[in-house]
Structures are given as structure tokens and as C-alpha cells.
Amino acid sequence: MSYDVDAAGYAEKVVDLLEDNPYLRASVTLVAELVRGAGGGSSPTSLAAQGM
């Protein structure tokens, strides 16, 4: 099953996931900041160009 088919069910399962797991929340925040710093994640080559 693809994500877009079960997006609502997935959202229900993970709605409090980050609230209940501060270390996971910090990890997700770090990855998001790295992606933003690399140009928004629009291209895998932008990450490679920065040595990531």
C-alpha cells in the first residue's frame, strides 16, 4: 500500500509520536535544518555538493 492511499491512517498512528519522544523530535528537527541549509532538499545533488 502506498503512503498516499493510507495517509489518514498513518497520520492517526503518528500524531503524538514526536510529542512523546523528545530525542526523536530533536533528530527530526536536525534533519529538517540540514535539508533547509542544503537548499530545501530540492535536489539530491545539492546534498552531495555539500559533502553530505
C-alpha atoms as a PDB file:
ATOM      1  CA  MET A   1       0.000   0.000   0.000  1.00  0.00           C
ATOM      2  CA  SER A   2       1.389   3.400  -0.891  1.00  0.00           C
ATOM      3  CA  TYR A   3       1.583   6.297   1.538  1.00  0.00           C
ATOM      4  CA  ASP A   4      -0.936   8.450  -0.317  1.00  0.00           C
ATOM      5  CA  VAL A   5      -3.540   5.682  -0.110  1.00  0.00           C
ATOM      6  CA  ASP A   6      -3.287   5.401   3.682  1.00  0.00           C
ATOM      7  CA  ALA A   7      -2.167   8.922   4.649  1.00  0.00           C
ATOM      8  CA  ALA A   8      -5.053   9.481   7.067  1.00  0.00           C
ATOM      9  CA  GLY A   9      -4.415   6.177   8.859  1.00  0.00           C
ATOM     10  CA  TYR A  10      -0.712   6.921   9.049  1.00  0.00           C
ATOM     11  CA  ALA A  11      -1.370  10.387  10.473  1.00  0.00           C
ATOM     12  CA  GLU A  12      -3.567   8.897  13.197  1.00  0.00           C
ATOM     13  CA  LYS A  13      -0.803   6.489  14.206  1.00  0.00           C
ATOM     14  CA  VAL A  14       1.938   9.118  14.467  1.00  0.00           C
ATOM     15  CA  VAL A  15       0.026  12.186  15.652  1.00  0.00           C
ATOM     16  CA  ASP A  16       1.695  12.205  19.093  1.00  0.00           C
ATOM     17  CA  LEU A  17       4.891  10.432  18.140  1.00  0.00           C
ATOM     18  CA  LEU A  18       7.178  13.468  18.335  1.00  0.00           C
ATOM     19  CA  GLU A  19       5.478  14.843  21.436  1.00  0.00           C
ATOM     20  CA  ASP A  20       6.074  11.599  23.299  1.00  0.00           C
ATOM     21  CA  ASN A  21       9.691  11.155  22.098  1.00  0.00           C
ATOM     22  CA  PRO A  22      11.887  14.229  22.657  1.00  0.00           C
ATOM     23  CA  TYR A  23      15.006  12.567  21.228  1.00  0.00           C
ATOM     24  CA  LEU A  24      13.180  11.606  18.051  1.00  0.00           C
ATOM     25  CA  ARG A  25      11.789  15.152  17.806  1.00  0.00           C
ATOM     26  CA  ALA A  26      15.328  16.573  18.139  1.00  0.00           C
ATOM     27  CA  SER A  27      16.595  14.194  15.445  1.00  0.00           C
ATOM     28  CA  VAL A  28      13.813  15.116  13.029  1.00  0.00           C
ATOM     29  CA  THR A  29      14.445  18.818  13.703  1.00  0.00           C
ATOM     30  CA  LEU A  30      18.153  18.381  12.988  1.00  0.00           C
ATOM     31  CA  VAL A  31      17.483  16.601   9.690  1.00  0.00           C
ATOM     32  CA  ALA A  32      14.966  19.297   8.675  1.00  0.00           C
ATOM     33  CA  GLU A  33      17.514  22.026   9.426  1.00  0.00           C
ATOM     34  CA  LEU A  34      20.182  20.226   7.395  1.00  0.00           C
ATOM     35  CA  VAL A  35      17.787  19.874   4.467  1.00  0.00           C
ATOM     36  CA  ARG A  36      16.851  23.563   4.649  1.00  0.00           C
ATOM     37  CA  GLY A  37      20.517  24.525   4.856  1.00  0.00           C
ATOM     38  CA  ALA A  38      21.236  22.442   1.771  1.00  0.00           C
ATOM     39  CA  GLY A  39      18.706  24.326  -0.309  1.00  0.00           C
ATOM     40  CA  GLY A  40      15.428  22.816   0.768  1.00  0.00           C
ATOM     41  CA  GLY A  41      16.097  19.300  -0.389  1.00  0.00           C
ATOM     42  CA  SER A  42      15.015  20.013  -3.927  1.00  0.00           C
ATOM     43  CA  SER A  43      17.878  18.035  -5.382  1.00  0.00           C
ATOM     44  CA  PRO A  44      19.995  15.121  -4.131  1.00  0.00           C
ATOM     45  CA  THR A  45      22.937  16.683  -5.939  1.00  0.00           C
ATOM     46  CA  SER A  46      22.764  19.740  -3.668  1.00  0.00           C
ATOM     47  CA  LEU A  47      23.445  17.477  -0.679  1.00  0.00           C
ATOM     48  CA  ALA A  48      26.269  15.720  -2.497  1.00  0.00           C
ATOM     49  CA  ALA A  49      27.814  19.068  -3.434  1.00  0.00           C
ATOM     50  CA  GLN A  50      27.988  19.928   0.270  1.00  0.00           C
ATOM     51  CA  GLY A  51      29.614  16.616   1.125  1.00  0.00           C
ATOM     52  CA  MET A  52      26.522  15.057   2.703  1.00  0.00           C
END
